[in-house]
């Protein structure tokens, strides 16, 4: 399992290949790998120039590792990768990546969705939209994000 909270870019292909190679090297009997990469969306009216993401080092990684451990146990995963960026990101930039591996595809897909739902609504990140006029708006949790997470209870 690898959890990375970083300010720098990551290479989707390189991370996916490293994840798959780690499964081969460990002798894991995985028949499915699911990857998801999230990107920063622009605002509906086009006035957002960037997203500023803050976190508390150490606390954030521990919280993500705890939920990744839960996913590993709940879906009998062979491995998990979570990368989440912080700092100033512009629309179109990669913000996060989740990879899961399991013996069967359903488990890999469900575990990836579970992790993504958690990262979207509960991971300890604070996001501020930076607007063209210099203003900044803190992003609040959406009801739809909370509802998505509720299905895993």
N, C-alpha and C. Protein backbone atom coordinates (compact mmCIF):
# COMPACT_ATOMS: atom_id res chain seq x y z
N UNK A 1 0.85 -1.18 0.00
CA UNK A 1 0.00 0.00 0.00
C UNK A 1 0.89 1.23 0.00
N UNK A 2 0.48 2.20 -0.82
CA UNK A 2 1.21 3.46 -0.84
C UNK A 2 0.21 4.60 -0.79
N UNK A 3 0.45 5.51 0.15
CA UNK A 3 -0.34 6.72 0.31
C UNK A 3 0.62 7.88 0.13
N UNK A 4 0.31 8.78 -0.81
CA UNK A 4 1.18 9.93 -1.06
C UNK A 4 0.33 11.20 -1.09
N UNK A 5 0.71 12.17 -0.28
CA UNK A 5 0.11 13.50 -0.31
C UNK A 5 1.25 14.42 -0.71
N UNK A 6 1.11 15.03 -1.88
CA UNK A 6 2.25 15.74 -2.46
C UNK A 6 1.80 17.00 -3.19
N UNK A 7 2.75 17.92 -3.38
CA UNK A 7 2.40 19.12 -4.13
C UNK A 7 2.72 18.97 -5.62
N UNK A 8 3.61 18.07 -5.95
CA UNK A 8 4.03 17.92 -7.34
C UNK A 8 3.11 17.06 -8.18
N UNK A 9 3.25 17.22 -9.48
CA UNK A 9 2.51 16.41 -10.45
C UNK A 9 2.90 14.94 -10.32
N UNK A 10 2.05 14.07 -10.84
CA UNK A 10 2.39 12.65 -10.94
C UNK A 10 2.06 12.20 -12.36
N UNK A 11 2.72 11.15 -12.79
CA UNK A 11 2.53 10.59 -14.13
C UNK A 11 1.60 9.39 -14.01
N UNK A 12 0.42 9.49 -14.59
CA UNK A 12 -0.59 8.44 -14.47
C UNK A 12 -0.06 7.10 -14.97
N UNK A 13 0.57 7.12 -16.15
CA UNK A 13 1.09 5.89 -16.73
C UNK A 13 2.17 5.27 -15.87
N UNK A 14 3.09 6.10 -15.42
CA UNK A 14 4.18 5.60 -14.58
C UNK A 14 3.65 5.02 -13.27
N UNK A 15 2.71 5.71 -12.64
CA UNK A 15 2.14 5.22 -11.38
C UNK A 15 1.37 3.91 -11.59
N UNK A 16 0.60 3.84 -12.69
CA UNK A 16 -0.14 2.61 -12.99
C UNK A 16 0.80 1.44 -13.24
N UNK A 17 1.86 1.68 -14.01
CA UNK A 17 2.83 0.62 -14.30
C UNK A 17 3.55 0.17 -13.04
N UNK A 18 3.92 1.11 -12.17
CA UNK A 18 4.60 0.76 -10.92
C UNK A 18 3.68 -0.07 -10.02
N UNK A 19 2.40 0.33 -9.97
CA UNK A 19 1.42 -0.39 -9.17
C UNK A 19 1.29 -1.84 -9.67
N UNK A 20 1.14 -2.00 -10.98
CA UNK A 20 0.99 -3.35 -11.57
C UNK A 20 2.26 -4.17 -11.37
N UNK A 21 3.42 -3.55 -11.53
CA UNK A 21 4.68 -4.27 -11.35
C UNK A 21 4.84 -4.74 -9.91
N UNK A 22 4.39 -3.93 -8.97
CA UNK A 22 4.47 -4.32 -7.56
C UNK A 22 3.63 -5.55 -7.27
N UNK A 23 2.50 -5.66 -7.95
CA UNK A 23 1.65 -6.85 -7.78
C UNK A 23 2.38 -8.08 -8.30
N UNK A 24 2.99 -7.96 -9.46
CA UNK A 24 3.73 -9.09 -10.05
C UNK A 24 4.90 -9.50 -9.16
N UNK A 25 5.62 -8.50 -8.67
CA UNK A 25 6.79 -8.77 -7.84
C UNK A 25 6.42 -9.45 -6.53
N UNK A 26 5.23 -9.12 -6.00
CA UNK A 26 4.81 -9.68 -4.71
C UNK A 26 4.15 -11.05 -4.85
N UNK A 27 3.85 -11.43 -6.08
CA UNK A 27 3.17 -12.71 -6.30
C UNK A 27 1.69 -12.66 -5.98
N UNK A 28 1.13 -11.44 -5.90
CA UNK A 28 -0.30 -11.29 -5.61
C UNK A 28 -1.11 -11.94 -6.72
N UNK A 29 -2.18 -12.58 -6.34
CA UNK A 29 -3.05 -13.26 -7.29
C UNK A 29 -4.21 -12.33 -7.65
N UNK A 30 -3.87 -11.19 -8.26
CA UNK A 30 -4.89 -10.20 -8.62
C UNK A 30 -5.30 -10.39 -10.06
N UNK A 31 -6.61 -10.40 -10.30
CA UNK A 31 -7.13 -10.51 -11.65
C UNK A 31 -7.67 -9.20 -12.16
N UNK A 32 -7.67 -8.16 -11.32
CA UNK A 32 -8.22 -6.87 -11.72
C UNK A 32 -7.45 -5.73 -11.08
N UNK A 33 -7.21 -4.71 -11.89
CA UNK A 33 -6.66 -3.45 -11.40
C UNK A 33 -7.58 -2.35 -11.91
N UNK A 34 -8.03 -1.50 -10.99
CA UNK A 34 -8.85 -0.36 -11.35
C UNK A 34 -8.08 0.90 -10.97
N UNK A 35 -8.03 1.86 -11.90
CA UNK A 35 -7.41 3.14 -11.60
C UNK A 35 -8.40 4.26 -11.91
N UNK A 36 -8.30 5.31 -11.15
CA UNK A 36 -9.11 6.51 -11.37
C UNK A 36 -8.22 7.70 -11.11
N UNK A 37 -8.33 8.69 -11.98
CA UNK A 37 -7.60 9.94 -11.79
C UNK A 37 -8.58 11.09 -11.84
N UNK A 38 -8.59 11.90 -10.81
CA UNK A 38 -9.45 13.08 -10.76
C UNK A 38 -8.68 14.31 -11.19
N UNK A 39 -9.38 15.21 -11.85
CA UNK A 39 -8.77 16.48 -12.29
C UNK A 39 -9.58 17.64 -11.70
N UNK A 40 -8.93 18.77 -11.58
CA UNK A 40 -9.59 19.97 -11.07
C UNK A 40 -10.56 20.47 -12.14
N UNK A 41 -11.80 20.62 -11.74
CA UNK A 41 -12.83 21.17 -12.63
C UNK A 41 -12.84 22.68 -12.51
N UNK A 42 -13.12 23.34 -13.61
CA UNK A 42 -13.35 24.78 -13.56
C UNK A 42 -14.74 25.04 -13.00
N UNK A 43 -15.00 26.27 -12.62
CA UNK A 43 -16.33 26.63 -12.11
C UNK A 43 -17.32 26.70 -13.26
N UNK A 44 -18.59 26.59 -12.94
CA UNK A 44 -19.64 26.62 -13.96
C UNK A 44 -19.63 27.92 -14.76
N UNK A 45 -19.32 29.01 -14.10
CA UNK A 45 -19.34 30.30 -14.80
C UNK A 45 -17.95 30.72 -15.32
N UNK A 46 -16.95 29.87 -15.11
CA UNK A 46 -15.63 30.12 -15.67
C UNK A 46 -14.78 31.15 -14.95
N UNK A 47 -15.17 31.56 -13.74
CA UNK A 47 -14.39 32.59 -13.05
C UNK A 47 -13.33 32.04 -12.09
N UNK A 48 -13.24 30.71 -11.94
CA UNK A 48 -12.23 30.12 -11.07
C UNK A 48 -10.91 29.99 -11.84
N UNK A 49 -9.85 30.53 -11.27
CA UNK A 49 -8.54 30.44 -11.93
C UNK A 49 -7.68 29.33 -11.33
N UNK A 50 -7.97 28.98 -10.07
CA UNK A 50 -7.18 27.93 -9.42
C UNK A 50 -7.92 27.43 -8.18
N UNK A 51 -7.45 26.30 -7.69
CA UNK A 51 -7.95 25.70 -6.45
C UNK A 51 -6.74 25.61 -5.51
N UNK A 52 -6.89 26.12 -4.32
CA UNK A 52 -5.84 26.02 -3.30
C UNK A 52 -6.26 24.95 -2.32
N UNK A 53 -5.42 23.92 -2.15
CA UNK A 53 -5.75 22.80 -1.28
C UNK A 53 -4.75 22.77 -0.12
N UNK A 54 -5.29 22.79 1.09
CA UNK A 54 -4.47 22.76 2.30
C UNK A 54 -4.71 21.46 3.05
N UNK A 55 -3.73 21.08 3.87
CA UNK A 55 -3.87 19.89 4.71
C UNK A 55 -2.87 19.98 5.85
N UNK A 56 -3.04 19.09 6.83
CA UNK A 56 -2.08 18.97 7.92
C UNK A 56 -1.22 17.75 7.67
N UNK A 57 0.07 17.96 7.35
CA UNK A 57 0.96 16.80 7.10
C UNK A 57 0.94 15.84 8.29
N UNK A 58 0.97 14.58 7.98
CA UNK A 58 0.91 13.55 9.01
C UNK A 58 -0.52 13.14 9.30
N UNK A 59 -1.34 14.09 9.69
CA UNK A 59 -2.75 13.80 9.99
C UNK A 59 -3.46 13.31 8.73
N UNK A 60 -3.24 13.98 7.62
CA UNK A 60 -3.93 13.62 6.38
C UNK A 60 -3.53 12.22 5.93
N UNK A 61 -2.25 11.93 5.94
CA UNK A 61 -1.79 10.61 5.52
C UNK A 61 -2.35 9.51 6.42
N UNK A 62 -2.36 9.76 7.73
CA UNK A 62 -2.91 8.76 8.66
C UNK A 62 -4.39 8.51 8.40
N UNK A 63 -5.15 9.56 8.14
CA UNK A 63 -6.58 9.41 7.89
C UNK A 63 -6.83 8.62 6.60
N UNK A 64 -6.05 8.92 5.56
CA UNK A 64 -6.21 8.19 4.30
C UNK A 64 -5.77 6.74 4.46
N UNK A 65 -4.68 6.51 5.18
CA UNK A 65 -4.21 5.13 5.40
C UNK A 65 -5.26 4.32 6.15
N UNK A 66 -5.91 4.94 7.12
CA UNK A 66 -6.94 4.23 7.89
C UNK A 66 -8.07 3.77 6.99
N UNK A 67 -8.55 4.63 6.10
CA UNK A 67 -9.65 4.25 5.22
C UNK A 67 -9.16 3.27 4.15
N UNK A 68 -7.90 3.38 3.73
CA UNK A 68 -7.34 2.41 2.78
C UNK A 68 -7.22 1.04 3.43
N UNK A 69 -6.83 1.00 4.72
CA UNK A 69 -6.79 -0.28 5.45
C UNK A 69 -8.17 -0.90 5.52
N UNK A 70 -9.19 -0.05 5.74
CA UNK A 70 -10.56 -0.56 5.78
C UNK A 70 -10.95 -1.15 4.42
N UNK A 71 -10.60 -0.47 3.34
CA UNK A 71 -10.90 -0.98 1.99
C UNK A 71 -10.17 -2.30 1.74
N UNK A 72 -8.92 -2.38 2.16
CA UNK A 72 -8.14 -3.62 1.97
C UNK A 72 -8.85 -4.80 2.62
N UNK A 73 -9.32 -4.60 3.83
CA UNK A 73 -9.98 -5.69 4.57
C UNK A 73 -11.37 -5.98 4.02
N UNK A 74 -12.12 -4.95 3.74
CA UNK A 74 -13.51 -5.11 3.32
C UNK A 74 -13.64 -5.82 1.97
N UNK A 75 -12.69 -5.56 1.05
CA UNK A 75 -12.78 -6.14 -0.29
C UNK A 75 -11.65 -7.13 -0.58
N UNK A 76 -10.90 -7.53 0.42
CA UNK A 76 -9.79 -8.48 0.24
C UNK A 76 -8.89 -8.05 -0.91
N UNK A 77 -8.42 -6.82 -0.84
CA UNK A 77 -7.59 -6.28 -1.91
C UNK A 77 -6.17 -6.79 -1.83
N UNK A 78 -5.54 -6.87 -2.98
CA UNK A 78 -4.13 -7.23 -3.05
C UNK A 78 -3.26 -6.00 -2.78
N UNK A 79 -3.74 -4.81 -3.19
CA UNK A 79 -2.97 -3.60 -2.98
C UNK A 79 -3.84 -2.37 -3.22
N UNK A 80 -3.37 -1.23 -2.69
CA UNK A 80 -4.04 0.06 -2.85
C UNK A 80 -2.99 1.14 -3.05
N UNK A 81 -3.31 2.08 -3.91
CA UNK A 81 -2.51 3.28 -4.11
C UNK A 81 -3.43 4.48 -4.02
N UNK A 82 -3.06 5.48 -3.23
CA UNK A 82 -3.78 6.75 -3.19
C UNK A 82 -2.74 7.86 -3.28
N UNK A 83 -2.92 8.72 -4.28
CA UNK A 83 -2.10 9.93 -4.41
C UNK A 83 -3.07 11.10 -4.39
N UNK A 84 -2.78 12.09 -3.56
CA UNK A 84 -3.60 13.31 -3.53
C UNK A 84 -2.67 14.50 -3.46
N UNK A 85 -2.92 15.47 -4.31
CA UNK A 85 -2.08 16.66 -4.34
C UNK A 85 -2.62 17.76 -3.43
N UNK A 86 -1.74 18.67 -3.07
CA UNK A 86 -2.12 19.87 -2.33
C UNK A 86 -1.39 21.04 -2.95
N UNK A 87 -1.73 22.23 -2.50
CA UNK A 87 -1.13 23.43 -3.06
C UNK A 87 -2.05 24.08 -4.08
N UNK A 88 -1.47 24.86 -4.97
CA UNK A 88 -2.25 25.59 -5.97
C UNK A 88 -2.35 24.76 -7.25
N UNK A 89 -3.58 24.43 -7.64
CA UNK A 89 -3.82 23.64 -8.85
C UNK A 89 -4.78 24.41 -9.75
N UNK A 90 -4.55 24.34 -11.04
CA UNK A 90 -5.42 25.03 -12.00
C UNK A 90 -6.35 24.02 -12.66
N UNK A 91 -7.49 24.49 -13.18
CA UNK A 91 -8.41 23.58 -13.86
C UNK A 91 -7.69 22.75 -14.93
N UNK A 92 -8.02 21.46 -14.93
CA UNK A 92 -7.40 20.52 -15.87
C UNK A 92 -6.24 19.75 -15.29
N UNK A 93 -5.67 20.23 -14.16
CA UNK A 93 -4.55 19.52 -13.54
C UNK A 93 -5.07 18.32 -12.74
N UNK A 94 -4.25 17.30 -12.67
CA UNK A 94 -4.58 16.12 -11.86
C UNK A 94 -4.56 16.50 -10.39
N UNK A 95 -5.59 16.04 -9.68
CA UNK A 95 -5.67 16.32 -8.25
C UNK A 95 -5.45 15.06 -7.43
N UNK A 96 -5.88 13.90 -7.97
CA UNK A 96 -5.73 12.67 -7.20
C UNK A 96 -5.77 11.44 -8.10
N UNK A 97 -5.28 10.34 -7.54
CA UNK A 97 -5.32 9.05 -8.23
C UNK A 97 -5.57 7.97 -7.20
N UNK A 98 -6.43 7.04 -7.55
CA UNK A 98 -6.69 5.86 -6.74
C UNK A 98 -6.46 4.64 -7.62
N UNK A 99 -5.78 3.64 -7.10
CA UNK A 99 -5.64 2.35 -7.78
C UNK A 99 -5.93 1.26 -6.76
N UNK A 100 -6.69 0.27 -7.21
CA UNK A 100 -7.00 -0.89 -6.36
C UNK A 100 -6.76 -2.15 -7.18
N UNK A 101 -6.37 -3.20 -6.50
CA UNK A 101 -6.16 -4.49 -7.15
C UNK A 101 -6.80 -5.57 -6.30
N UNK A 102 -7.49 -6.48 -6.97
CA UNK A 102 -8.12 -7.59 -6.27
C UNK A 102 -8.22 -8.79 -7.20
N UNK A 103 -8.62 -9.88 -6.64
CA UNK A 103 -8.78 -11.11 -7.41
C UNK A 103 -9.88 -10.98 -8.46
N UNK A 104 -10.94 -10.22 -8.11
CA UNK A 104 -12.10 -10.07 -8.99
C UNK A 104 -12.38 -8.59 -9.24
N UNK A 105 -12.87 -8.28 -10.43
CA UNK A 105 -13.05 -6.88 -10.82
C UNK A 105 -14.09 -6.14 -9.97
N UNK A 106 -15.17 -6.80 -9.57
CA UNK A 106 -16.19 -6.12 -8.79
C UNK A 106 -15.59 -5.54 -7.51
N UNK A 107 -14.75 -6.31 -6.85
CA UNK A 107 -14.12 -5.83 -5.61
C UNK A 107 -13.21 -4.64 -5.89
N UNK A 108 -12.46 -4.70 -6.97
CA UNK A 108 -11.55 -3.60 -7.31
C UNK A 108 -12.35 -2.32 -7.62
N UNK A 109 -13.44 -2.45 -8.38
CA UNK A 109 -14.26 -1.29 -8.70
C UNK A 109 -14.92 -0.71 -7.46
N UNK A 110 -15.54 -1.56 -6.65
CA UNK A 110 -16.22 -1.07 -5.45
C UNK A 110 -15.25 -0.40 -4.49
N UNK A 111 -14.10 -1.01 -4.28
CA UNK A 111 -13.12 -0.43 -3.37
C UNK A 111 -12.62 0.92 -3.88
N UNK A 112 -12.41 1.03 -5.18
CA UNK A 112 -11.97 2.31 -5.75
C UNK A 112 -13.04 3.37 -5.54
N UNK A 113 -14.30 3.03 -5.78
CA UNK A 113 -15.40 3.99 -5.56
C UNK A 113 -15.48 4.42 -4.09
N UNK A 114 -15.34 3.45 -3.20
CA UNK A 114 -15.36 3.72 -1.76
C UNK A 114 -14.26 4.73 -1.41
N UNK A 115 -13.06 4.49 -1.89
CA UNK A 115 -11.94 5.39 -1.59
C UNK A 115 -12.17 6.78 -2.19
N UNK A 116 -12.67 6.83 -3.41
CA UNK A 116 -12.93 8.13 -4.05
C UNK A 116 -14.01 8.90 -3.30
N UNK A 117 -15.06 8.21 -2.89
CA UNK A 117 -16.12 8.88 -2.13
C UNK A 117 -15.57 9.43 -0.82
N UNK A 118 -14.73 8.66 -0.16
CA UNK A 118 -14.12 9.12 1.09
C UNK A 118 -13.24 10.34 0.84
N UNK A 119 -12.39 10.27 -0.18
CA UNK A 119 -11.49 11.39 -0.47
C UNK A 119 -12.26 12.66 -0.79
N UNK A 120 -13.36 12.53 -1.47
CA UNK A 120 -14.16 13.69 -1.88
C UNK A 120 -14.84 14.36 -0.69
N UNK A 121 -15.31 13.57 0.27
CA UNK A 121 -16.15 14.17 1.31
C UNK A 121 -15.56 14.18 2.72
N UNK A 122 -14.62 13.30 3.02
CA UNK A 122 -14.17 13.20 4.41
C UNK A 122 -12.67 13.34 4.63
N UNK A 123 -11.88 13.17 3.61
CA UNK A 123 -10.43 13.30 3.82
C UNK A 123 -10.12 14.71 4.30
N UNK A 124 -9.18 14.87 5.21
CA UNK A 124 -8.92 16.18 5.80
C UNK A 124 -8.11 17.11 4.88
N UNK A 125 -8.81 17.60 3.85
CA UNK A 125 -8.27 18.62 2.95
C UNK A 125 -9.22 19.81 3.02
N UNK A 126 -8.68 21.00 2.89
CA UNK A 126 -9.48 22.21 2.84
C UNK A 126 -9.21 22.86 1.50
N UNK A 127 -10.29 23.11 0.75
CA UNK A 127 -10.17 23.59 -0.62
C UNK A 127 -10.79 24.98 -0.76
N UNK A 128 -10.04 25.85 -1.43
CA UNK A 128 -10.53 27.20 -1.68
C UNK A 128 -10.44 27.47 -3.17
N UNK A 129 -11.56 27.93 -3.74
CA UNK A 129 -11.57 28.34 -5.14
C UNK A 129 -11.04 29.76 -5.21
N UNK A 130 -10.03 29.98 -6.04
CA UNK A 130 -9.47 31.31 -6.25
C UNK A 130 -10.07 31.86 -7.53
N UNK A 131 -10.69 33.04 -7.44
CA UNK A 131 -11.45 33.60 -8.54
C UNK A 131 -10.67 34.68 -9.28
N UNK A 132 -11.12 34.99 -10.49
CA UNK A 132 -10.46 36.00 -11.34
C UNK A 132 -10.38 37.35 -10.66
N UNK A 133 -11.38 37.70 -9.87
CA UNK A 133 -11.39 39.02 -9.22
C UNK A 133 -10.53 39.07 -7.96
N UNK A 134 -9.81 37.98 -7.66
CA UNK A 134 -8.94 37.94 -6.49
C UNK A 134 -9.60 37.37 -5.25
N UNK A 135 -10.90 37.18 -5.29
CA UNK A 135 -11.62 36.62 -4.14
C UNK A 135 -11.34 35.12 -4.04
N UNK A 136 -11.64 34.59 -2.87
CA UNK A 136 -11.50 33.16 -2.65
C UNK A 136 -12.70 32.63 -1.89
N UNK A 137 -13.21 31.48 -2.32
CA UNK A 137 -14.36 30.86 -1.66
C UNK A 137 -13.98 29.47 -1.19
N UNK A 138 -14.20 29.21 0.12
CA UNK A 138 -13.98 27.87 0.63
C UNK A 138 -15.03 26.93 0.05
N UNK A 139 -14.61 25.75 -0.34
CA UNK A 139 -15.52 24.77 -0.91
C UNK A 139 -16.14 23.96 0.22
N UNK A 140 -17.46 23.93 0.23
CA UNK A 140 -18.18 23.17 1.26
C UNK A 140 -18.62 21.83 0.70
N UNK A 141 -18.79 20.87 1.58
CA UNK A 141 -19.26 19.54 1.18
C UNK A 141 -20.65 19.65 0.56
N UNK A 142 -20.87 18.87 -0.48
CA UNK A 142 -22.16 18.84 -1.14
C UNK A 142 -22.98 17.68 -0.59
N UNK A 143 -24.29 17.86 -0.58
CA UNK A 143 -25.17 16.78 -0.13
C UNK A 143 -24.96 15.52 -0.95
N UNK A 144 -24.74 15.69 -2.25
CA UNK A 144 -24.57 14.52 -3.12
C UNK A 144 -23.30 13.74 -2.76
N UNK A 145 -22.25 14.45 -2.31
CA UNK A 145 -21.03 13.76 -1.89
C UNK A 145 -21.27 12.96 -0.61
N UNK A 146 -22.02 13.55 0.30
CA UNK A 146 -22.34 12.85 1.55
C UNK A 146 -23.22 11.63 1.27
N UNK A 147 -24.19 11.78 0.37
CA UNK A 147 -25.06 10.66 0.01
C UNK A 147 -24.26 9.53 -0.63
N UNK A 148 -23.28 9.88 -1.45
CA UNK A 148 -22.43 8.85 -2.07
C UNK A 148 -21.68 8.07 -1.00
N UNK A 149 -21.19 8.75 0.02
CA UNK A 149 -20.45 8.09 1.09
C UNK A 149 -21.38 7.24 1.96
N UNK A 150 -22.61 7.69 2.15
CA UNK A 150 -23.58 6.96 2.99
C UNK A 150 -23.83 5.55 2.48
N UNK A 151 -23.72 5.32 1.20
CA UNK A 151 -24.02 3.97 0.68
C UNK A 151 -23.03 2.92 1.17
N UNK A 152 -21.90 3.35 1.71
CA UNK A 152 -20.89 2.39 2.19
C UNK A 152 -21.03 2.09 3.67
N UNK A 153 -21.98 2.74 4.34
CA UNK A 153 -22.15 2.55 5.78
C UNK A 153 -22.65 1.14 6.11
